[in-house]
Each structure stands twice: as C-alpha cells, then as structure tokens.
Amino acid sequence: MKYLYEAILTPWSGGWEAEFPDLGIHTQGESLRDAVFMAQDLLALWISQALREGRELPEPCMEHRAPDGGRVVAVVIDCDASLPDVPTMTVQEAADVLDVSTARIHALIRSGVIGARKIGSARLVSAADVMAYFNSPRTAGRPKKAATA
C-alpha cells in the first residue's frame, strides 16, 4: 500500500534535518538529497513497524510550512508489514537530488534514462535510477559527435 506524508527539511550547521510532524519522527543527512533519502527510509521503516504492531496511522496533513531556508517535501513509500519497499520518489524530489529542474527530470524519463510510473495524478520515478544517474560520470556540455570517414 502507498503512504504519503510531508517532511519538513531544515538546514543546520551539520547538514539537513528531516522531520515528519504528523508522526513525531526525525532523521538527518549531510546534504539535502541525503536527508530526503534518509526521510524516505525512516518513513518506510516506521510505517512498516506500526503496521506489524497493529497501530493506527495518523491522517497526513498536507499543509505544513517550511521554516526560513527550509523545504517541505512529500515523501511517498510503498510498504506493508513485511520488509518495506521504497523504490520511488516524486519528480520534484528527484530534481532536488540531482540538482536539476523538473523539466530535465521529465526529459530523462522520456529518454528512458530514468524509469517512472504514474500513480493517480503523481508521477513517481525510480529511486534506483535516480541514484544510478547521480553516481554515473558525465561531462559538461553537449556530447561529442562521432567522427565520420
């Protein structure tokens, strides 16, 4: 089942803190993208544990405000009471991780570099593809044209 909660990301001297105010849980990361991935992992683990224990999940509020310099991101996970599965992120989250525009993410989806699926009105991209693209070496500028004889 899919779950969606907002995380408030706040910068601090050692990186970023991610808080889920609806759940009262926190995590942190050395960078914004690291904090987003940590938040996704934390949410999956917390919900999976709550489901195993039979606890009722609080209704998510989607109107949180970011503090100065902070951000609010929606974190989507797909998990159940067994091992959590956290394969996706939103287009905006992928853009934040890769430090590109959402239009660039859509171009990467169209070209097949990053896999995506549509859930309702949201397009969710493969977290593994985003991380593979993030970790792949790229050179600046346009690709060189192949020499023709």
N, C-alpha and C. Protein backbone atom coordinates (compact mmCIF):
# COMPACT_ATOMS: atom_id res chain seq x y z
N MET A 1 0.84 -1.18 0.00
CA MET A 1 0.00 0.00 0.00
C MET A 1 0.89 1.24 0.00
N LYS A 2 0.41 2.30 -0.60
CA LYS A 2 1.16 3.54 -0.69
C LYS A 2 0.78 4.47 0.45
N TYR A 3 1.79 5.15 0.98
CA TYR A 3 1.60 6.12 2.05
C TYR A 3 2.30 7.41 1.67
N LEU A 4 1.69 8.54 2.01
CA LEU A 4 2.23 9.85 1.67
C LEU A 4 2.18 10.75 2.90
N TYR A 5 3.35 11.25 3.30
CA TYR A 5 3.44 12.19 4.42
C TYR A 5 4.41 13.29 4.03
N GLU A 6 4.19 14.47 4.58
CA GLU A 6 5.10 15.58 4.34
C GLU A 6 6.24 15.56 5.35
N ALA A 7 7.43 15.87 4.85
CA ALA A 7 8.60 16.03 5.70
C ALA A 7 9.06 17.48 5.61
N ILE A 8 9.40 18.05 6.75
CA ILE A 8 9.95 19.41 6.79
C ILE A 8 11.46 19.28 6.88
N LEU A 9 12.15 19.83 5.89
CA LEU A 9 13.61 19.79 5.84
C LEU A 9 14.16 21.13 6.27
N THR A 10 15.02 21.10 7.28
CA THR A 10 15.58 22.32 7.85
C THR A 10 17.10 22.25 7.83
N PRO A 11 17.76 23.28 7.28
CA PRO A 11 19.23 23.26 7.29
C PRO A 11 19.77 23.55 8.69
N TRP A 12 20.89 22.96 8.99
CA TRP A 12 21.61 23.24 10.23
C TRP A 12 23.10 23.13 9.93
N SER A 13 23.95 23.44 10.85
CA SER A 13 25.39 23.52 10.58
C SER A 13 26.00 22.22 10.09
N GLY A 14 25.42 21.07 10.46
CA GLY A 14 25.98 19.79 10.05
C GLY A 14 25.28 19.17 8.86
N GLY A 15 24.32 19.83 8.25
CA GLY A 15 23.59 19.26 7.12
C GLY A 15 22.13 19.67 7.15
N TRP A 16 21.24 18.67 7.02
CA TRP A 16 19.80 18.91 6.97
C TRP A 16 19.09 17.97 7.93
N GLU A 17 18.07 18.49 8.60
CA GLU A 17 17.22 17.66 9.45
C GLU A 17 15.88 17.47 8.73
N ALA A 18 15.37 16.26 8.76
CA ALA A 18 14.06 15.95 8.18
C ALA A 18 13.13 15.53 9.30
N GLU A 19 11.99 16.19 9.39
CA GLU A 19 11.01 15.90 10.44
C GLU A 19 9.67 15.58 9.80
N PHE A 20 9.03 14.52 10.30
CA PHE A 20 7.65 14.21 9.92
C PHE A 20 6.78 14.66 11.08
N PRO A 21 6.22 15.88 11.01
CA PRO A 21 5.45 16.39 12.15
C PRO A 21 4.21 15.57 12.47
N ASP A 22 3.62 14.92 11.48
CA ASP A 22 2.42 14.11 11.74
C ASP A 22 2.75 12.85 12.54
N LEU A 23 4.01 12.42 12.48
CA LEU A 23 4.40 11.17 13.13
C LEU A 23 5.33 11.38 14.31
N GLY A 24 5.90 12.58 14.43
CA GLY A 24 6.81 12.87 15.53
C GLY A 24 8.15 12.17 15.41
N ILE A 25 8.63 11.95 14.19
CA ILE A 25 9.91 11.28 13.98
C ILE A 25 10.85 12.19 13.20
N HIS A 26 12.15 12.02 13.42
CA HIS A 26 13.17 12.86 12.81
C HIS A 26 14.30 12.00 12.27
N THR A 27 15.01 12.54 11.29
CA THR A 27 16.26 11.97 10.82
C THR A 27 17.08 13.12 10.28
N GLN A 28 18.27 12.83 9.82
CA GLN A 28 19.12 13.89 9.28
C GLN A 28 20.02 13.35 8.20
N GLY A 29 20.57 14.26 7.42
CA GLY A 29 21.50 13.87 6.36
C GLY A 29 22.55 14.95 6.18
N GLU A 30 23.67 14.57 5.58
CA GLU A 30 24.76 15.52 5.38
C GLU A 30 24.43 16.55 4.31
N SER A 31 23.55 16.21 3.37
CA SER A 31 23.14 17.13 2.32
C SER A 31 21.61 17.04 2.19
N LEU A 32 21.04 17.92 1.38
CA LEU A 32 19.60 17.89 1.17
C LEU A 32 19.17 16.55 0.60
N ARG A 33 19.86 16.09 -0.42
CA ARG A 33 19.47 14.81 -1.05
C ARG A 33 19.64 13.65 -0.08
N ASP A 34 20.68 13.68 0.72
CA ASP A 34 20.89 12.62 1.71
C ASP A 34 19.75 12.64 2.72
N ALA A 35 19.34 13.82 3.16
CA ALA A 35 18.25 13.93 4.13
C ALA A 35 16.93 13.42 3.55
N VAL A 36 16.68 13.67 2.26
CA VAL A 36 15.46 13.18 1.62
C VAL A 36 15.45 11.66 1.57
N PHE A 37 16.58 11.06 1.20
CA PHE A 37 16.65 9.60 1.17
C PHE A 37 16.52 9.01 2.58
N MET A 38 17.14 9.67 3.56
CA MET A 38 17.03 9.19 4.93
C MET A 38 15.57 9.29 5.40
N ALA A 39 14.88 10.36 5.01
CA ALA A 39 13.48 10.54 5.39
C ALA A 39 12.62 9.44 4.76
N GLN A 40 12.90 9.11 3.52
CA GLN A 40 12.13 8.05 2.85
C GLN A 40 12.35 6.71 3.55
N ASP A 41 13.58 6.41 3.88
CA ASP A 41 13.88 5.17 4.60
C ASP A 41 13.21 5.14 5.97
N LEU A 42 13.32 6.25 6.70
CA LEU A 42 12.71 6.33 8.03
C LEU A 42 11.21 6.12 7.96
N LEU A 43 10.55 6.78 7.01
CA LEU A 43 9.10 6.65 6.88
C LEU A 43 8.71 5.20 6.59
N ALA A 44 9.43 4.56 5.69
CA ALA A 44 9.12 3.16 5.35
C ALA A 44 9.29 2.26 6.57
N LEU A 45 10.37 2.44 7.29
CA LEU A 45 10.60 1.62 8.48
C LEU A 45 9.56 1.87 9.56
N TRP A 46 9.24 3.15 9.79
CA TRP A 46 8.27 3.50 10.84
C TRP A 46 6.89 2.94 10.52
N ILE A 47 6.44 3.13 9.27
CA ILE A 47 5.11 2.63 8.90
C ILE A 47 5.07 1.11 8.92
N SER A 48 6.11 0.48 8.42
CA SER A 48 6.16 -0.98 8.44
C SER A 48 6.05 -1.51 9.87
N GLN A 49 6.79 -0.88 10.79
CA GLN A 49 6.74 -1.29 12.20
C GLN A 49 5.35 -1.04 12.79
N ALA A 50 4.76 0.11 12.50
CA ALA A 50 3.43 0.42 13.02
C ALA A 50 2.40 -0.59 12.52
N LEU A 51 2.50 -0.99 11.26
CA LEU A 51 1.57 -1.99 10.71
C LEU A 51 1.76 -3.34 11.38
N ARG A 52 3.01 -3.73 11.63
CA ARG A 52 3.27 -5.01 12.31
C ARG A 52 2.69 -5.02 13.72
N GLU A 53 2.72 -3.86 14.38
CA GLU A 53 2.22 -3.74 15.76
C GLU A 53 0.72 -3.47 15.81
N GLY A 54 0.09 -3.27 14.66
CA GLY A 54 -1.35 -3.03 14.62
C GLY A 54 -1.75 -1.62 15.02
N ARG A 55 -0.79 -0.68 15.01
CA ARG A 55 -1.11 0.71 15.37
C ARG A 55 -1.81 1.41 14.21
N GLU A 56 -2.72 2.29 14.53
CA GLU A 56 -3.41 3.08 13.51
C GLU A 56 -2.51 4.23 13.08
N LEU A 57 -2.42 4.47 11.79
CA LEU A 57 -1.58 5.54 11.28
C LEU A 57 -2.33 6.86 11.31
N PRO A 58 -1.67 7.94 11.74
CA PRO A 58 -2.34 9.24 11.75
C PRO A 58 -2.63 9.74 10.34
N GLU A 59 -3.69 10.50 10.22
CA GLU A 59 -4.05 11.10 8.94
C GLU A 59 -3.00 12.15 8.57
N PRO A 60 -2.42 12.08 7.36
CA PRO A 60 -1.40 13.07 6.99
C PRO A 60 -1.99 14.45 6.73
N CYS A 61 -1.30 15.46 7.19
CA CYS A 61 -1.66 16.86 6.91
C CYS A 61 -0.76 17.33 5.78
N MET A 62 -1.33 17.91 4.77
CA MET A 62 -0.54 18.33 3.61
C MET A 62 -0.42 19.85 3.52
N GLU A 63 -0.40 20.52 4.66
CA GLU A 63 -0.34 21.99 4.66
C GLU A 63 0.76 22.52 5.56
N HIS A 64 1.84 21.77 5.74
CA HIS A 64 2.94 22.24 6.58
C HIS A 64 3.69 23.37 5.89
N ARG A 65 4.26 24.24 6.67
CA ARG A 65 5.05 25.35 6.14
C ARG A 65 6.51 25.14 6.50
N ALA A 66 7.37 25.48 5.56
CA ALA A 66 8.81 25.34 5.78
C ALA A 66 9.33 26.56 6.54
N PRO A 67 10.26 26.35 7.45
CA PRO A 67 10.91 27.50 8.11
C PRO A 67 11.82 28.21 7.11
N ASP A 68 12.32 29.38 7.48
CA ASP A 68 13.21 30.12 6.60
C ASP A 68 14.39 29.25 6.19
N GLY A 69 14.63 29.15 4.90
CA GLY A 69 15.72 28.35 4.38
C GLY A 69 15.40 26.87 4.27
N GLY A 70 14.24 26.46 4.75
CA GLY A 70 13.86 25.05 4.74
C GLY A 70 12.96 24.71 3.57
N ARG A 71 12.58 23.46 3.50
CA ARG A 71 11.71 22.98 2.43
C ARG A 71 10.72 21.97 2.99
N VAL A 72 9.60 21.86 2.33
CA VAL A 72 8.63 20.81 2.64
C VAL A 72 8.55 19.90 1.43
N VAL A 73 8.75 18.61 1.64
CA VAL A 73 8.65 17.65 0.55
C VAL A 73 7.65 16.56 0.93
N ALA A 74 6.94 16.08 -0.07
CA ALA A 74 6.04 14.95 0.14
C ALA A 74 6.85 13.69 -0.09
N VAL A 75 6.80 12.79 0.87
CA VAL A 75 7.53 11.53 0.76
C VAL A 75 6.52 10.41 0.58
N VAL A 76 6.66 9.68 -0.52
CA VAL A 76 5.76 8.58 -0.85
C VAL A 76 6.53 7.27 -0.68
N ILE A 77 5.91 6.33 0.00
CA ILE A 77 6.50 5.00 0.12
C ILE A 77 5.45 3.96 -0.20
N ASP A 78 5.90 2.80 -0.58
CA ASP A 78 5.03 1.67 -0.84
C ASP A 78 5.53 0.54 0.05
N CYS A 79 4.79 0.22 1.10
CA CYS A 79 5.25 -0.83 2.00
C CYS A 79 4.06 -1.50 2.68
N ASP A 80 4.38 -2.58 3.37
CA ASP A 80 3.39 -3.29 4.17
C ASP A 80 4.07 -3.73 5.46
N ALA A 81 3.47 -4.64 6.17
CA ALA A 81 4.03 -5.06 7.45
C ALA A 81 5.29 -5.90 7.28
N SER A 82 5.54 -6.41 6.08
CA SER A 82 6.78 -7.15 5.85
C SER A 82 7.90 -6.15 5.56
N LEU A 83 8.92 -6.57 4.88
CA LEU A 83 10.02 -5.67 4.58
C LEU A 83 9.53 -4.49 3.76
N PRO A 84 9.92 -3.27 4.14
CA PRO A 84 9.47 -2.11 3.38
C PRO A 84 10.14 -2.05 2.02
N ASP A 85 9.41 -1.54 1.04
CA ASP A 85 9.91 -1.37 -0.31
C ASP A 85 9.84 0.12 -0.63
N VAL A 86 10.96 0.77 -0.84
CA VAL A 86 11.00 2.21 -1.08
C VAL A 86 11.64 2.52 -2.44
N PRO A 87 10.98 2.09 -3.52
CA PRO A 87 11.63 2.23 -4.83
C PRO A 87 11.41 3.56 -5.55
N THR A 88 10.56 4.44 -5.06
CA THR A 88 10.22 5.62 -5.85
C THR A 88 10.37 6.92 -5.08
N MET A 89 10.37 8.00 -5.84
CA MET A 89 10.32 9.35 -5.29
C MET A 89 9.58 10.22 -6.29
N THR A 90 9.16 11.40 -5.86
CA THR A 90 8.45 12.30 -6.76
C THR A 90 9.43 12.94 -7.73
N VAL A 91 8.87 13.54 -8.78
CA VAL A 91 9.70 14.24 -9.77
C VAL A 91 10.45 15.39 -9.09
N GLN A 92 9.78 16.12 -8.21
CA GLN A 92 10.44 17.24 -7.52
C GLN A 92 11.57 16.73 -6.63
N GLU A 93 11.36 15.63 -5.93
CA GLU A 93 12.42 15.08 -5.10
C GLU A 93 13.61 14.63 -5.94
N ALA A 94 13.34 14.01 -7.09
CA ALA A 94 14.42 13.61 -8.00
C ALA A 94 15.17 14.84 -8.49
N ALA A 95 14.44 15.91 -8.82
CA ALA A 95 15.09 17.15 -9.27
C ALA A 95 15.97 17.72 -8.17
N ASP A 96 15.50 17.68 -6.93
CA ASP A 96 16.30 18.18 -5.81
C ASP A 96 17.55 17.33 -5.61
N VAL A 97 17.41 16.02 -5.71
CA VAL A 97 18.56 15.13 -5.53
C VAL A 97 19.60 15.38 -6.61
N LEU A 98 19.17 15.51 -7.86
CA LEU A 98 20.10 15.68 -8.97
C LEU A 98 20.48 17.14 -9.22
N ASP A 99 19.84 18.05 -8.49
CA ASP A 99 20.09 19.49 -8.63
C ASP A 99 19.84 19.95 -10.07
N VAL A 100 18.69 19.52 -10.61
CA VAL A 100 18.26 19.91 -11.95
C VAL A 100 16.80 20.35 -11.86
N SER A 101 16.26 20.83 -12.97
CA SER A 101 14.86 21.25 -13.00
C SER A 101 13.94 20.03 -13.16
N THR A 102 12.67 20.23 -12.84
CA THR A 102 11.71 19.15 -13.05
C THR A 102 11.55 18.86 -14.54
N ALA A 103 11.73 19.89 -15.38
CA ALA A 103 11.68 19.67 -16.84
C ALA A 103 12.78 18.72 -17.27
N ARG A 104 13.96 18.83 -16.68
CA ARG A 104 15.07 17.93 -17.01
C ARG A 104 14.74 16.50 -16.58
N ILE A 105 14.09 16.35 -15.43
CA ILE A 105 13.69 15.01 -14.97
C ILE A 105 12.70 14.40 -15.97
N HIS A 106 11.73 15.20 -16.42
CA HIS A 106 10.77 14.70 -17.40
C HIS A 106 11.48 14.32 -18.71
N ALA A 107 12.50 15.07 -19.12
CA ALA A 107 13.27 14.73 -20.32
C ALA A 107 14.02 13.40 -20.12
N LEU A 108 14.58 13.20 -18.91
CA LEU A 108 15.27 11.94 -18.62
C LEU A 108 14.28 10.76 -18.61
N ILE A 109 13.06 11.01 -18.17
CA ILE A 109 12.02 9.97 -18.19
C ILE A 109 11.66 9.63 -19.64
N ARG A 110 11.44 10.66 -20.47
CA ARG A 110 11.08 10.44 -21.87
C ARG A 110 12.17 9.69 -22.62
N SER A 111 13.44 9.98 -22.29
CA SER A 111 14.55 9.33 -22.99
C SER A 111 14.83 7.92 -22.46
N GLY A 112 14.16 7.54 -21.36
CA GLY A 112 14.34 6.20 -20.82
C GLY A 112 15.50 6.06 -19.85
N VAL A 113 16.17 7.15 -19.54
CA VAL A 113 17.30 7.10 -18.60
C VAL A 113 16.80 6.83 -17.19
N ILE A 114 15.67 7.42 -16.84
CA ILE A 114 15.06 7.22 -15.52
C ILE A 114 13.67 6.63 -15.72
N GLY A 115 13.40 5.53 -15.04
CA GLY A 115 12.09 4.91 -15.12
C GLY A 115 11.08 5.65 -14.25
N ALA A 116 9.83 5.63 -14.66
CA ALA A 116 8.79 6.30 -13.89
C ALA A 116 7.46 5.59 -14.09
N ARG A 117 6.56 5.81 -13.16
CA ARG A 117 5.19 5.31 -13.30
C ARG A 117 4.25 6.37 -12.74
N LYS A 118 3.04 6.33 -13.22
CA LYS A 118 2.05 7.31 -12.80
C LYS A 118 1.11 6.67 -11.81
N ILE A 119 0.94 7.28 -10.65
CA ILE A 119 0.01 6.83 -9.62
C ILE A 119 -0.97 7.98 -9.41
N GLY A 120 -2.19 7.81 -9.86
CA GLY A 120 -3.16 8.90 -9.79
C GLY A 120 -2.66 10.05 -10.65
N SER A 121 -2.52 11.23 -10.06
CA SER A 121 -2.01 12.37 -10.80
C SER A 121 -0.52 12.59 -10.57
N ALA A 122 0.10 11.77 -9.73
CA ALA A 122 1.52 11.92 -9.43
C ALA A 122 2.36 10.99 -10.29
N ARG A 123 3.49 11.49 -10.75
CA ARG A 123 4.46 10.67 -11.46
C ARG A 123 5.57 10.34 -10.48
N LEU A 124 5.80 9.05 -10.26
CA LEU A 124 6.84 8.60 -9.34
C LEU A 124 7.99 8.02 -10.15
N VAL A 125 9.20 8.44 -9.83
CA VAL A 125 10.37 7.98 -10.55
C VAL A 125 11.12 6.95 -9.73
N SER A 126 11.86 6.12 -10.40
CA SER A 126 12.63 5.06 -9.75
C SER A 126 13.78 5.67 -8.96
N ALA A 127 13.80 5.43 -7.65
CA ALA A 127 14.88 5.93 -6.80
C ALA A 127 16.21 5.31 -7.21
N ALA A 128 16.20 4.04 -7.60
CA ALA A 128 17.42 3.37 -8.03
C ALA A 128 17.97 4.01 -9.30
N ASP A 129 17.09 4.35 -10.25
CA ASP A 129 17.53 5.00 -11.48
C ASP A 129 18.10 6.40 -11.19
N VAL A 130 17.45 7.13 -10.28
CA VAL A 130 17.94 8.46 -9.91
C VAL A 130 19.33 8.35 -9.30
N MET A 131 19.52 7.39 -8.40
CA MET A 131 20.82 7.24 -7.76
C MET A 131 21.87 6.75 -8.77
N ALA A 132 21.49 5.88 -9.70
CA ALA A 132 22.43 5.43 -10.73
C ALA A 132 22.86 6.61 -11.60
N TYR A 133 21.90 7.46 -11.97
CA TYR A 133 22.22 8.64 -12.78
C TYR A 133 23.11 9.60 -11.99
N PHE A 134 22.78 9.78 -10.72
CA PHE A 134 23.56 10.65 -9.84
C PHE A 134 25.01 10.18 -9.75
N ASN A 135 25.21 8.88 -9.66
CA ASN A 135 26.54 8.32 -9.48
C ASN A 135 27.29 8.06 -10.79
N SER A 136 26.63 8.25 -11.95
CA SER A 136 27.29 8.00 -13.23
C SER A 136 28.12 9.22 -13.64
N PRO A 137 29.31 8.96 -14.19
CA PRO A 137 30.15 10.09 -14.63
C PRO A 137 29.56 10.73 -15.89
N ARG A 138 29.55 12.04 -15.90
CA ARG A 138 29.07 12.80 -17.05
C ARG A 138 30.03 13.97 -17.27
N THR A 139 30.16 14.39 -18.51
CA THR A 139 30.98 15.55 -18.82
C THR A 139 30.05 16.71 -19.13
N ALA A 140 30.54 17.90 -18.90
CA ALA A 140 29.73 19.09 -19.16
C ALA A 140 29.59 19.32 -20.66
N GLY A 141 28.52 19.95 -21.05
CA GLY A 141 28.31 20.31 -22.44
C GLY A 141 27.64 19.23 -23.27
N ARG A 142 27.55 19.49 -24.55
CA ARG A 142 26.91 18.55 -25.46
C ARG A 142 27.81 17.36 -25.72
N PRO A 143 27.21 16.23 -26.00
CA PRO A 143 28.03 15.07 -26.35
C PRO A 143 28.79 15.32 -27.66
N LYS A 144 29.97 14.78 -27.75
CA LYS A 144 30.78 14.92 -28.97
C LYS A 144 30.16 14.09 -30.08
N LYS A 145 30.16 14.63 -31.29
CA LYS A 145 29.66 13.88 -32.43
C LYS A 145 30.70 12.87 -32.87
N ALA A 146 30.23 11.73 -33.29
CA ALA A 146 31.14 10.70 -33.77
C ALA A 146 31.77 11.15 -35.07
N ALA A 147 33.06 10.90 -35.21
CA ALA A 147 33.77 11.26 -36.45
C ALA A 147 33.33 10.35 -37.58
N THR A 148 33.09 10.91 -38.73
CA THR A 148 32.71 10.12 -39.89
C THR A 148 33.85 10.14 -40.90
N ALA A 149 34.03 9.05 -41.60
CA ALA A 149 35.14 8.95 -42.56
C ALA A 149 34.72 9.38 -43.93
